[in-house]
C-alpha cells in the first residue's frame, strides 16, 4: 500500500509580510517626525531675539549664609531670579523645583540663581539655608536672599514689575508672582517665564543659552 504524504507550505504570504513591515515602519516614521518637529522648535527658540524690559537697579540683601549679597556680586553675570517663601502652601515648591532643575544644564556656565523671599520676617538666613539644603542648592551658584520687606517688595513690584502682596489682605498670606526673571550681564531684564507652564524650561534655557552666546565671558 502506497502512503501519500501531503506537505503544507508555511511560507508567509506577501500580505502578511507587508502588514508586519507596516507595523515596524509606522512607529519609526512617527518617531522621526516627532524628533524633527522638536528640533525645529529648538532651532526656532535659538534664533528668536531676546527682548529687553528695563534695568535692575542696585540692591543688597543678606544671603542664606548671613553674608551681604546683591548687585555687587552679580556684576557682569547673567542671572535668573524668582520670588518665593519657605512656608508657601501654593506654587513656591514648584518654582523652587524649576530653579533647581536649572543647575545641571547650566553647571558649566557662570549663570547665577537668586531667590528672594517675600516673607523676610520668618525667612531668616538660617531658615533659608535649611531650605537651600533641601533643594540641594549649589552654595556658590544659588543664593537665597532676605532683608527689609519694603526693599524686597519695591524690587519685585517697581523694578521687576511683578505682582506682590504682603498678606495683609483677606487671604492673610503673602501673594507673589510665579514668574522667573532672566537678567543679562548689563543688569537688563531680558525675559519673564511662568514656572507653572509645562514648556517653561525649554524657553528659559533657550534664551539663557542665547545670552551666553550674545554676551560671552
N, C-alpha and C. Protein backbone atom coordinates (compact mmCIF):
# COMPACT_ATOMS: atom_id res chain seq x y z
N UNK A 1 0.86 -1.20 0.00
CA UNK A 1 0.00 0.00 0.00
C UNK A 1 0.88 1.23 0.00
N UNK A 2 0.57 2.14 -0.92
CA UNK A 2 1.39 3.35 -1.06
C UNK A 2 0.82 4.45 -0.16
N UNK A 3 1.72 5.08 0.61
CA UNK A 3 1.29 6.17 1.51
C UNK A 3 1.62 7.51 0.87
N UNK A 4 0.63 8.37 0.85
CA UNK A 4 0.83 9.70 0.25
C UNK A 4 1.05 10.72 1.36
N UNK A 5 2.14 11.45 1.29
CA UNK A 5 2.46 12.48 2.29
C UNK A 5 2.13 13.84 1.72
N UNK A 6 1.32 14.55 2.43
CA UNK A 6 0.92 15.89 1.99
C UNK A 6 1.69 16.92 2.81
N UNK A 7 2.42 17.82 2.17
CA UNK A 7 3.17 18.88 2.87
C UNK A 7 2.43 20.19 2.73
N UNK A 8 2.51 21.01 3.77
CA UNK A 8 1.84 22.31 3.77
C UNK A 8 2.87 23.41 3.68
N UNK A 9 2.67 24.36 2.82
CA UNK A 9 3.60 25.48 2.65
C UNK A 9 3.32 26.54 3.72
N UNK A 10 4.24 26.68 4.66
CA UNK A 10 4.06 27.66 5.75
C UNK A 10 4.75 28.99 5.46
N UNK A 11 5.26 29.14 4.29
CA UNK A 11 5.94 30.40 3.94
C UNK A 11 4.96 31.56 4.07
N UNK A 12 5.37 32.66 4.67
CA UNK A 12 4.46 33.80 4.85
C UNK A 12 4.03 34.38 3.52
N UNK A 13 2.79 34.79 3.48
CA UNK A 13 2.25 35.41 2.28
C UNK A 13 2.77 36.83 2.14
N UNK A 14 2.65 37.38 0.95
CA UNK A 14 3.09 38.76 0.72
C UNK A 14 2.33 39.74 1.58
N UNK A 15 1.04 39.50 1.73
CA UNK A 15 0.21 40.41 2.54
C UNK A 15 0.64 40.39 4.00
N UNK A 16 1.02 39.20 4.48
CA UNK A 16 1.48 39.10 5.87
C UNK A 16 2.77 39.84 6.09
N UNK A 17 3.70 39.69 5.15
CA UNK A 17 4.98 40.41 5.26
C UNK A 17 4.76 41.91 5.20
N UNK A 18 3.90 42.34 4.28
CA UNK A 18 3.62 43.77 4.14
C UNK A 18 3.02 44.34 5.42
N UNK A 19 2.14 43.58 6.07
CA UNK A 19 1.50 44.04 7.31
C UNK A 19 2.53 44.18 8.44
N UNK A 20 3.44 43.20 8.54
CA UNK A 20 4.47 43.27 9.57
C UNK A 20 5.40 44.46 9.32
N UNK A 21 5.75 44.68 8.06
CA UNK A 21 6.61 45.82 7.74
C UNK A 21 5.93 47.13 8.09
N UNK A 22 4.62 47.18 7.85
CA UNK A 22 3.86 48.39 8.17
C UNK A 22 3.90 48.67 9.67
N UNK A 23 3.74 47.61 10.47
CA UNK A 23 3.76 47.76 11.93
C UNK A 23 5.11 48.26 12.42
N UNK A 24 6.18 47.91 11.70
CA UNK A 24 7.52 48.36 12.09
C UNK A 24 7.80 49.77 11.59
N UNK A 25 7.42 50.05 10.35
CA UNK A 25 7.77 51.32 9.71
C UNK A 25 7.00 52.50 10.29
N UNK A 26 5.70 52.33 10.55
CA UNK A 26 4.87 53.46 11.02
C UNK A 26 5.41 54.07 12.32
N UNK A 27 5.74 53.26 13.36
CA UNK A 27 6.30 53.87 14.58
C UNK A 27 7.61 54.60 14.33
N UNK A 28 8.44 54.04 13.42
CA UNK A 28 9.72 54.69 13.12
C UNK A 28 9.51 56.03 12.44
N UNK A 29 8.55 56.08 11.52
CA UNK A 29 8.25 57.34 10.84
C UNK A 29 7.70 58.36 11.83
N UNK A 30 6.81 57.88 12.73
CA UNK A 30 6.21 58.77 13.73
C UNK A 30 7.29 59.34 14.65
N UNK A 31 8.21 58.47 15.11
CA UNK A 31 9.29 58.92 15.98
C UNK A 31 10.17 59.94 15.27
N UNK A 32 10.50 59.64 14.00
CA UNK A 32 11.32 60.56 13.23
C UNK A 32 10.66 61.92 13.06
N UNK A 33 9.36 61.90 12.83
CA UNK A 33 8.61 63.15 12.67
C UNK A 33 8.59 63.96 13.96
N UNK A 34 8.39 63.27 15.09
CA UNK A 34 8.38 63.96 16.38
C UNK A 34 9.73 64.58 16.70
N UNK A 35 10.81 63.84 16.40
CA UNK A 35 12.16 64.36 16.63
C UNK A 35 12.45 65.56 15.74
N UNK A 36 11.97 65.50 14.51
CA UNK A 36 12.17 66.61 13.58
C UNK A 36 11.43 67.86 14.05
N UNK A 37 10.18 67.67 14.50
CA UNK A 37 9.39 68.80 15.00
C UNK A 37 10.03 69.40 16.24
N UNK A 38 10.56 68.53 17.11
CA UNK A 38 11.23 69.01 18.33
C UNK A 38 12.46 69.83 17.98
N UNK A 39 13.24 69.35 17.00
CA UNK A 39 14.43 70.07 16.59
C UNK A 39 14.07 71.41 15.96
N UNK A 40 12.98 71.43 15.19
CA UNK A 40 12.52 72.67 14.59
C UNK A 40 12.15 73.69 15.68
N UNK A 41 11.50 73.18 16.76
CA UNK A 41 11.12 74.08 17.86
C UNK A 41 12.35 74.64 18.56
N UNK A 42 13.34 73.77 18.80
CA UNK A 42 14.58 74.22 19.45
C UNK A 42 15.31 75.24 18.59
N UNK A 43 15.38 74.98 17.27
CA UNK A 43 16.05 75.92 16.36
C UNK A 43 15.34 77.26 16.32
N UNK A 44 14.00 77.22 16.35
CA UNK A 44 13.23 78.47 16.34
C UNK A 44 13.49 79.27 17.61
N UNK A 45 13.58 78.58 18.76
CA UNK A 45 13.85 79.26 20.01
C UNK A 45 15.25 79.86 20.02
N UNK A 46 16.21 79.15 19.42
CA UNK A 46 17.58 79.66 19.39
C UNK A 46 17.69 80.92 18.55
N UNK A 47 16.91 80.98 17.48
CA UNK A 47 17.04 82.07 16.53
C UNK A 47 16.22 83.30 16.89
N UNK A 48 15.26 83.14 17.81
CA UNK A 48 14.44 84.29 18.13
C UNK A 48 15.23 85.30 18.97
N UNK A 49 14.88 86.54 18.85
CA UNK A 49 15.57 87.58 19.61
C UNK A 49 15.04 87.61 21.04
N UNK A 50 15.90 87.99 21.97
CA UNK A 50 15.51 88.09 23.37
C UNK A 50 15.30 89.55 23.70
N UNK A 51 14.10 89.89 24.10
CA UNK A 51 13.73 91.29 24.34
C UNK A 51 14.39 91.86 25.58
N UNK A 52 14.23 93.17 25.77
CA UNK A 52 14.74 93.84 26.96
C UNK A 52 13.59 94.58 27.63
N UNK A 53 13.52 94.46 28.98
CA UNK A 53 12.38 95.02 29.71
C UNK A 53 12.82 95.99 30.80
N UNK A 54 13.93 96.65 30.61
CA UNK A 54 14.38 97.60 31.61
C UNK A 54 15.58 97.08 32.39
N UNK A 55 16.08 97.92 33.28
CA UNK A 55 17.29 97.61 34.03
C UNK A 55 17.01 97.40 35.50
N UNK A 56 17.66 96.43 36.08
CA UNK A 56 17.52 96.16 37.52
C UNK A 56 18.41 97.15 38.28
N UNK A 57 17.85 97.91 39.21
CA UNK A 57 18.67 98.88 39.96
C UNK A 57 19.57 98.17 40.97
N UNK A 58 20.45 98.93 41.58
CA UNK A 58 21.33 98.38 42.60
C UNK A 58 20.53 97.90 43.80
N UNK A 59 20.94 96.78 44.36
CA UNK A 59 20.30 96.28 45.57
C UNK A 59 21.30 95.47 46.38
N UNK A 60 21.04 95.34 47.67
CA UNK A 60 21.87 94.49 48.53
C UNK A 60 21.01 93.94 49.67
N UNK A 61 21.07 92.62 49.83
CA UNK A 61 20.33 91.96 50.91
C UNK A 61 21.29 91.03 51.65
N UNK A 62 20.77 90.03 52.35
CA UNK A 62 21.58 89.07 53.09
C UNK A 62 21.25 87.67 52.61
N UNK A 63 22.29 86.88 52.32
CA UNK A 63 22.01 85.54 51.81
C UNK A 63 21.87 84.50 52.92
N UNK A 64 21.69 83.25 52.54
CA UNK A 64 21.45 82.17 53.49
C UNK A 64 22.62 81.90 54.42
N UNK A 65 23.78 82.43 54.08
CA UNK A 65 24.96 82.28 54.93
C UNK A 65 25.20 83.49 55.82
N UNK A 66 24.25 84.43 55.81
CA UNK A 66 24.38 85.62 56.62
C UNK A 66 25.33 86.65 56.04
N UNK A 67 25.70 86.47 54.77
CA UNK A 67 26.63 87.39 54.12
C UNK A 67 25.89 88.38 53.23
N UNK A 68 26.40 89.61 53.11
CA UNK A 68 25.79 90.58 52.19
C UNK A 68 25.85 90.04 50.76
N UNK A 69 24.78 90.21 50.03
CA UNK A 69 24.75 89.75 48.64
C UNK A 69 23.81 90.64 47.85
N UNK A 70 24.28 91.05 46.66
CA UNK A 70 23.43 91.89 45.84
C UNK A 70 24.07 92.18 44.50
N UNK A 71 23.80 93.35 43.99
CA UNK A 71 24.27 93.74 42.66
C UNK A 71 25.79 93.62 42.51
N UNK A 72 26.51 93.94 43.58
CA UNK A 72 27.98 93.90 43.51
C UNK A 72 28.49 92.50 43.20
N UNK A 73 27.80 91.47 43.72
CA UNK A 73 28.22 90.09 43.49
C UNK A 73 27.73 89.56 42.13
N UNK A 74 26.84 90.30 41.48
CA UNK A 74 26.28 89.86 40.21
C UNK A 74 26.79 90.67 39.03
N UNK A 75 27.73 91.57 39.29
CA UNK A 75 28.27 92.40 38.21
C UNK A 75 28.86 91.51 37.11
N UNK A 76 28.44 91.77 35.88
CA UNK A 76 28.98 91.04 34.74
C UNK A 76 28.47 89.63 34.57
N UNK A 77 27.44 89.25 35.37
CA UNK A 77 26.91 87.89 35.28
C UNK A 77 25.49 87.87 34.70
N UNK A 78 25.19 86.79 34.02
CA UNK A 78 23.80 86.50 33.66
C UNK A 78 23.19 85.81 34.87
N UNK A 79 22.00 86.20 35.26
CA UNK A 79 21.38 85.54 36.40
C UNK A 79 19.87 85.40 36.24
N UNK A 80 19.32 84.47 36.98
CA UNK A 80 17.89 84.17 36.94
C UNK A 80 17.35 84.32 38.36
N UNK A 81 16.30 85.12 38.50
CA UNK A 81 15.74 85.37 39.82
C UNK A 81 14.29 84.92 39.95
N UNK A 82 13.88 84.68 41.19
CA UNK A 82 12.48 84.39 41.48
C UNK A 82 12.13 84.91 42.87
N UNK A 83 10.84 84.91 43.18
CA UNK A 83 10.36 85.37 44.48
C UNK A 83 9.53 84.24 45.10
N UNK A 84 9.95 83.82 46.29
CA UNK A 84 9.30 82.68 46.96
C UNK A 84 9.28 82.94 48.48
N UNK A 85 8.73 82.02 49.25
CA UNK A 85 8.95 81.99 50.69
C UNK A 85 8.83 80.56 51.18
N UNK A 86 9.53 80.24 52.23
CA UNK A 86 9.74 78.84 52.61
C UNK A 86 8.51 78.13 53.14
N UNK A 87 7.52 78.86 53.67
CA UNK A 87 6.31 78.21 54.20
C UNK A 87 5.14 78.31 53.23
N UNK A 88 5.43 78.63 51.99
CA UNK A 88 4.40 78.82 50.98
C UNK A 88 3.57 77.53 50.78
N UNK A 89 2.23 77.63 50.89
CA UNK A 89 1.38 76.46 50.69
C UNK A 89 0.96 76.29 49.24
N UNK A 90 1.42 77.22 48.38
CA UNK A 90 0.97 77.21 46.99
C UNK A 90 2.06 76.85 46.00
N UNK A 91 2.43 77.79 45.11
CA UNK A 91 3.30 77.47 43.98
C UNK A 91 4.80 77.46 44.27
N UNK A 92 5.22 77.91 45.44
CA UNK A 92 6.67 78.04 45.69
C UNK A 92 7.45 76.73 45.52
N UNK A 93 6.95 75.60 46.01
CA UNK A 93 7.71 74.36 45.78
C UNK A 93 7.96 74.09 44.29
N UNK A 94 6.97 74.39 43.46
CA UNK A 94 7.14 74.19 42.03
C UNK A 94 8.16 75.18 41.47
N UNK A 95 8.07 76.44 41.88
CA UNK A 95 9.02 77.46 41.41
C UNK A 95 10.45 77.07 41.79
N UNK A 96 10.63 76.69 43.04
CA UNK A 96 11.98 76.32 43.51
C UNK A 96 12.47 75.04 42.84
N UNK A 97 11.56 74.12 42.55
CA UNK A 97 11.93 72.90 41.84
C UNK A 97 12.43 73.23 40.44
N UNK A 98 11.75 74.18 39.78
CA UNK A 98 12.18 74.60 38.44
C UNK A 98 13.58 75.22 38.51
N UNK A 99 13.80 76.05 39.51
CA UNK A 99 15.12 76.67 39.66
C UNK A 99 16.18 75.60 39.90
N UNK A 100 15.85 74.61 40.71
CA UNK A 100 16.78 73.54 40.99
C UNK A 100 17.13 72.77 39.71
N UNK A 101 16.15 72.59 38.84
CA UNK A 101 16.37 71.88 37.58
C UNK A 101 17.37 72.61 36.67
N UNK A 102 17.51 73.92 36.86
CA UNK A 102 18.42 74.70 36.03
C UNK A 102 19.89 74.44 36.36
N UNK A 103 20.16 73.92 37.54
CA UNK A 103 21.54 73.79 37.99
C UNK A 103 22.36 72.87 37.08
N UNK A 104 21.82 71.73 36.72
CA UNK A 104 22.58 70.76 35.92
C UNK A 104 22.89 71.28 34.52
N UNK A 105 21.89 71.73 33.73
CA UNK A 105 22.23 72.18 32.37
C UNK A 105 23.09 73.43 32.33
N UNK A 106 23.15 74.19 33.43
CA UNK A 106 23.93 75.43 33.44
C UNK A 106 25.21 75.32 34.28
N UNK A 107 25.55 74.11 34.70
CA UNK A 107 26.66 73.95 35.63
C UNK A 107 28.02 74.37 35.07
N UNK A 108 28.18 74.34 33.76
CA UNK A 108 29.46 74.73 33.16
C UNK A 108 29.47 76.18 32.70
N UNK A 109 28.49 76.95 33.12
CA UNK A 109 28.42 78.37 32.80
C UNK A 109 28.60 79.19 34.07
N UNK A 110 28.60 80.51 33.94
CA UNK A 110 28.67 81.37 35.13
C UNK A 110 27.31 81.95 35.48
N UNK A 111 26.24 81.36 34.95
CA UNK A 111 24.89 81.84 35.25
C UNK A 111 24.59 81.62 36.73
N UNK A 112 24.08 82.66 37.39
CA UNK A 112 23.79 82.60 38.82
C UNK A 112 22.28 82.53 39.05
N UNK A 113 21.87 81.88 40.13
CA UNK A 113 20.46 81.80 40.51
C UNK A 113 20.26 82.58 41.80
N UNK A 114 19.16 83.35 41.85
CA UNK A 114 18.87 84.19 43.03
C UNK A 114 17.40 84.06 43.39
N UNK A 115 17.13 83.68 44.64
CA UNK A 115 15.76 83.59 45.12
C UNK A 115 15.55 84.60 46.24
N UNK A 116 14.55 85.47 46.07
CA UNK A 116 14.23 86.49 47.08
C UNK A 116 13.01 86.01 47.88
N UNK A 117 13.07 86.08 49.19
CA UNK A 117 11.91 85.72 49.99
C UNK A 117 10.96 86.92 50.11
N UNK A 118 9.66 86.65 50.01
CA UNK A 118 8.67 87.71 50.20
C UNK A 118 8.11 87.66 51.62
N UNK A 119 8.71 86.82 52.47
CA UNK A 119 8.32 86.73 53.88
C UNK A 119 9.59 86.82 54.73
N UNK A 120 10.30 87.96 54.61
CA UNK A 120 11.61 88.06 55.26
C UNK A 120 11.58 88.01 56.79
N UNK A 121 10.43 88.33 57.39
CA UNK A 121 10.36 88.30 58.85
C UNK A 121 10.50 86.87 59.37
N UNK A 122 9.99 85.90 58.64
CA UNK A 122 10.12 84.49 59.04
C UNK A 122 11.32 83.82 58.40
N UNK A 123 11.62 84.23 57.17
CA UNK A 123 12.72 83.59 56.43
C UNK A 123 14.05 84.24 56.77
N UNK A 124 14.59 83.85 57.91
CA UNK A 124 15.90 84.32 58.33
C UNK A 124 16.97 83.59 57.52
N UNK A 125 18.22 84.04 57.59
CA UNK A 125 19.28 83.30 56.88
C UNK A 125 19.32 81.82 57.25
N UNK A 126 19.11 81.52 58.53
CA UNK A 126 19.14 80.12 58.96
C UNK A 126 18.03 79.30 58.30
N UNK A 127 16.83 79.88 58.24
CA UNK A 127 15.69 79.21 57.62
C UNK A 127 15.95 79.01 56.12
N UNK A 128 16.48 80.04 55.49
CA UNK A 128 16.78 79.95 54.06
C UNK A 128 17.89 78.93 53.79
N UNK A 129 18.85 78.82 54.69
CA UNK A 129 19.93 77.85 54.50
C UNK A 129 19.37 76.42 54.55
N UNK A 130 18.46 76.17 55.47
CA UNK A 130 17.82 74.86 55.56
C UNK A 130 17.01 74.56 54.30
N UNK A 131 16.31 75.57 53.81
CA UNK A 131 15.52 75.44 52.58
C UNK A 131 16.43 75.14 51.39
N UNK A 132 17.55 75.82 51.32
CA UNK A 132 18.52 75.61 50.24
C UNK A 132 19.09 74.20 50.29
N UNK A 133 19.35 73.69 51.48
CA UNK A 133 19.89 72.34 51.61
C UNK A 133 18.89 71.30 51.13
N UNK A 134 17.61 71.52 51.40
CA UNK A 134 16.58 70.58 50.95
C UNK A 134 16.52 70.54 49.42
N UNK A 135 16.84 71.66 48.80
CA UNK A 135 16.82 71.75 47.34
C UNK A 135 18.15 71.33 46.72
N UNK A 136 19.11 70.97 47.57
CA UNK A 136 20.46 70.62 47.11
C UNK A 136 21.05 71.75 46.25
N UNK A 137 20.87 72.96 46.74
CA UNK A 137 21.35 74.14 46.03
C UNK A 137 22.86 74.25 46.11
N UNK A 138 23.48 74.54 44.98
CA UNK A 138 24.91 74.79 44.93
C UNK A 138 25.18 76.13 45.61
N UNK A 139 25.89 76.07 46.73
CA UNK A 139 26.10 77.28 47.54
C UNK A 139 26.83 78.38 46.78
N UNK A 140 27.62 78.03 45.81
CA UNK A 140 28.36 79.04 45.06
C UNK A 140 27.63 79.56 43.85
N UNK A 141 26.47 78.98 43.56
CA UNK A 141 25.75 79.34 42.33
C UNK A 141 24.32 79.80 42.57
N UNK A 142 23.79 79.55 43.78
CA UNK A 142 22.39 79.85 44.05
C UNK A 142 22.29 80.50 45.43
N UNK A 143 21.87 81.76 45.45
CA UNK A 143 21.73 82.48 46.71
C UNK A 143 20.27 82.76 47.03
N UNK A 144 19.94 82.63 48.31
CA UNK A 144 18.59 82.89 48.81
C UNK A 144 18.67 84.14 49.68
N UNK A 145 17.91 85.18 49.32
CA UNK A 145 18.10 86.48 49.95
C UNK A 145 16.93 86.92 50.82
N UNK A 146 17.27 87.50 51.95
CA UNK A 146 16.29 88.11 52.83
C UNK A 146 16.77 89.51 53.18
N UNK A 147 15.87 90.33 53.73
CA UNK A 147 16.23 91.70 54.05
C UNK A 147 14.98 92.49 54.41
N UNK A 148 15.06 93.82 54.40
CA UNK A 148 13.90 94.64 54.72
C UNK A 148 12.75 94.36 53.74
N UNK A 149 11.56 94.13 54.30
CA UNK A 149 10.42 93.80 53.45
C UNK A 149 10.14 94.90 52.44
N UNK A 150 10.22 96.14 52.85
CA UNK A 150 9.90 97.25 51.95
C UNK A 150 10.83 97.26 50.74
N UNK A 151 12.11 96.95 50.97
CA UNK A 151 13.08 96.96 49.87
C UNK A 151 12.84 95.78 48.91
N UNK A 152 12.52 94.61 49.47
CA UNK A 152 12.25 93.44 48.62
C UNK A 152 10.98 93.65 47.81
N UNK A 153 9.95 94.20 48.44
CA UNK A 153 8.68 94.41 47.74
C UNK A 153 8.82 95.49 46.67
N UNK A 154 9.65 96.49 46.94
CA UNK A 154 9.89 97.53 45.93
C UNK A 154 10.60 96.92 44.73
N UNK A 155 11.59 96.07 44.99
CA UNK A 155 12.32 95.43 43.91
C UNK A 155 11.39 94.58 43.05
N UNK A 156 10.51 93.83 43.72
CA UNK A 156 9.57 92.97 42.98
C UNK A 156 8.56 93.78 42.19
N UNK A 157 7.90 94.70 42.85
CA UNK A 157 6.79 95.44 42.23
C UNK A 157 7.25 96.55 41.30
N UNK A 158 8.14 97.39 41.77
CA UNK A 158 8.53 98.57 41.00
C UNK A 158 9.60 98.30 39.94
N UNK A 159 10.53 97.41 40.26
CA UNK A 159 11.67 97.21 39.38
C UNK A 159 11.52 96.00 38.46
N UNK A 160 11.05 94.88 39.01
CA UNK A 160 10.80 93.71 38.17
C UNK A 160 9.39 93.70 37.57
N UNK A 161 8.54 94.62 38.03
CA UNK A 161 7.15 94.72 37.53
C UNK A 161 6.35 93.45 37.79
N UNK A 162 6.58 92.85 38.96
CA UNK A 162 5.88 91.63 39.34
C UNK A 162 4.89 91.92 40.46
N UNK A 163 3.75 91.26 40.41
CA UNK A 163 2.73 91.44 41.45
C UNK A 163 3.23 90.85 42.76
N UNK A 164 2.91 91.54 43.86
CA UNK A 164 3.29 91.05 45.18
C UNK A 164 2.38 91.67 46.23
N UNK A 165 2.04 90.89 47.26
CA UNK A 165 1.22 91.36 48.38
C UNK A 165 1.78 90.77 49.66
N UNK A 166 1.74 91.55 50.73
CA UNK A 166 2.36 91.09 51.98
C UNK A 166 1.45 90.22 52.85
N UNK A 167 0.24 89.91 52.37
CA UNK A 167 -0.64 89.06 53.14
C UNK A 167 -1.54 89.80 54.11
N UNK A 168 -1.56 91.12 54.00
CA UNK A 168 -2.41 91.91 54.90
C UNK A 168 -3.85 91.97 54.41
N UNK A 169 -4.14 91.34 53.26
CA UNK A 169 -5.49 91.33 52.74
C UNK A 169 -6.27 90.16 53.35
N UNK A 170 -7.40 89.83 52.75
CA UNK A 170 -8.29 88.81 53.30
C UNK A 170 -7.64 87.43 53.36
N UNK A 171 -6.71 87.15 52.44
CA UNK A 171 -6.09 85.83 52.41
C UNK A 171 -5.14 85.60 53.57
N UNK A 172 -4.49 86.65 54.01
CA UNK A 172 -3.62 86.55 55.17
C UNK A 172 -2.26 85.91 54.92
N UNK A 173 -1.93 85.63 53.66
CA UNK A 173 -0.63 85.06 53.34
C UNK A 173 0.00 85.86 52.20
N UNK A 174 1.33 85.88 52.14
CA UNK A 174 1.97 86.61 51.05
C UNK A 174 1.56 86.05 49.68
N UNK A 175 1.34 86.95 48.75
CA UNK A 175 0.99 86.58 47.38
C UNK A 175 2.06 87.17 46.46
N UNK A 176 2.53 86.38 45.53
CA UNK A 176 3.63 86.84 44.68
C UNK A 176 3.53 86.22 43.31
N UNK A 177 4.33 86.72 42.39
CA UNK A 177 4.33 86.21 41.02
C UNK A 177 4.99 84.84 40.95
N UNK A 178 4.55 84.02 40.01
CA UNK A 178 5.17 82.71 39.77
C UNK A 178 6.20 82.79 38.65
N UNK A 179 6.49 83.99 38.18
CA UNK A 179 7.41 84.14 37.05
C UNK A 179 8.87 84.22 37.51
N UNK A 180 9.73 83.58 36.74
CA UNK A 180 11.17 83.70 36.91
C UNK A 180 11.66 84.78 35.94
N UNK A 181 12.74 85.44 36.31
CA UNK A 181 13.22 86.59 35.54
C UNK A 181 14.66 86.35 35.09
N UNK A 182 14.91 86.56 33.81
CA UNK A 182 16.26 86.41 33.24
C UNK A 182 16.90 87.78 33.09
N UNK A 183 18.09 87.94 33.65
CA UNK A 183 18.81 89.22 33.64
C UNK A 183 20.17 89.02 32.97
N UNK A 184 20.55 89.94 32.09
CA UNK A 184 21.81 89.77 31.36
C UNK A 184 23.00 90.38 32.11
N UNK A 185 24.17 90.37 31.46
CA UNK A 185 25.40 90.84 32.11
C UNK A 185 25.42 92.35 32.35
N UNK A 186 24.47 93.06 31.75
CA UNK A 186 24.40 94.51 31.92
C UNK A 186 23.23 94.91 32.81
N UNK A 187 22.74 93.95 33.60
CA UNK A 187 21.63 94.16 34.55
C UNK A 187 20.32 94.50 33.87
N UNK A 188 20.17 94.09 32.61
CA UNK A 188 18.92 94.33 31.88
C UNK A 188 18.03 93.10 31.95
N UNK A 189 16.76 93.32 32.23
CA UNK A 189 15.79 92.22 32.26
C UNK A 189 15.52 91.78 30.82
N UNK A 190 15.72 90.50 30.54
CA UNK A 190 15.59 90.02 29.18
C UNK A 190 14.44 89.04 28.97
N UNK A 191 13.78 88.63 30.04
CA UNK A 191 12.65 87.73 29.84
C UNK A 191 11.95 87.35 31.13
N UNK A 192 10.66 87.01 30.99
CA UNK A 192 9.83 86.53 32.10
C UNK A 192 9.31 85.14 31.74
N UNK A 193 9.30 84.22 32.71
CA UNK A 193 8.95 82.83 32.43
C UNK A 193 8.11 82.28 33.59
N UNK A 194 6.89 81.90 33.29
CA UNK A 194 5.98 81.39 34.32
C UNK A 194 6.39 79.97 34.68
N UNK A 195 6.79 79.76 35.93
CA UNK A 195 7.27 78.46 36.38
C UNK A 195 6.21 77.37 36.30
N UNK A 196 4.94 77.75 36.20
CA UNK A 196 3.87 76.77 36.18
C UNK A 196 3.54 76.28 34.77
N UNK A 197 4.13 76.91 33.76
CA UNK A 197 3.88 76.46 32.38
C UNK A 197 4.72 75.23 32.06
N UNK A 198 4.16 74.25 31.36
CA UNK A 198 4.87 72.99 31.11
C UNK A 198 6.13 73.11 30.28
N UNK A 199 6.19 74.09 29.38
CA UNK A 199 7.36 74.23 28.50
C UNK A 199 8.30 75.35 28.94
N UNK A 200 8.18 75.77 30.18
CA UNK A 200 8.96 76.92 30.66
C UNK A 200 10.46 76.65 30.61
N UNK A 201 10.89 75.42 30.93
CA UNK A 201 12.32 75.14 30.97
C UNK A 201 12.95 75.23 29.59
N UNK A 202 12.23 74.75 28.58
CA UNK A 202 12.74 74.82 27.22
C UNK A 202 12.98 76.27 26.80
N UNK A 203 11.99 77.12 27.07
CA UNK A 203 12.10 78.53 26.69
C UNK A 203 13.19 79.25 27.48
N UNK A 204 13.22 79.02 28.78
CA UNK A 204 14.19 79.71 29.63
C UNK A 204 15.62 79.29 29.30
N UNK A 205 15.85 78.01 29.11
CA UNK A 205 17.20 77.56 28.78
C UNK A 205 17.62 78.03 27.40
N UNK A 206 16.67 78.06 26.46
CA UNK A 206 17.00 78.54 25.11
C UNK A 206 17.42 80.00 25.15
N UNK A 207 16.69 80.83 25.91
CA UNK A 207 17.03 82.25 25.99
C UNK A 207 18.32 82.47 26.78
N UNK A 208 18.52 81.67 27.82
CA UNK A 208 19.76 81.80 28.59
C UNK A 208 20.97 81.45 27.74
N UNK A 209 20.87 80.38 26.98
CA UNK A 209 21.97 80.00 26.08
C UNK A 209 22.19 81.05 24.99
N UNK A 210 21.09 81.68 24.56
CA UNK A 210 21.21 82.76 23.58
C UNK A 210 22.04 83.90 24.17
N UNK A 211 21.77 84.26 25.42
CA UNK A 211 22.52 85.33 26.07
C UNK A 211 23.98 84.94 26.27
N UNK A 212 24.22 83.67 26.59
CA UNK A 212 25.60 83.22 26.78
C UNK A 212 26.40 83.35 25.48
N UNK A 213 25.74 83.15 24.35
CA UNK A 213 26.43 83.34 23.06
C UNK A 213 26.55 84.83 22.72
N UNK A 214 25.50 85.58 23.04
CA UNK A 214 25.49 87.01 22.74
C UNK A 214 26.46 87.77 23.63
N UNK A 215 26.60 87.32 24.88
CA UNK A 215 27.45 88.01 25.85
C UNK A 215 28.42 87.02 26.51
N UNK A 216 29.40 86.55 25.77
CA UNK A 216 30.36 85.62 26.34
C UNK A 216 31.17 86.27 27.46
N UNK A 217 31.70 85.44 28.34
CA UNK A 217 32.51 85.97 29.45
C UNK A 217 33.76 86.68 28.95
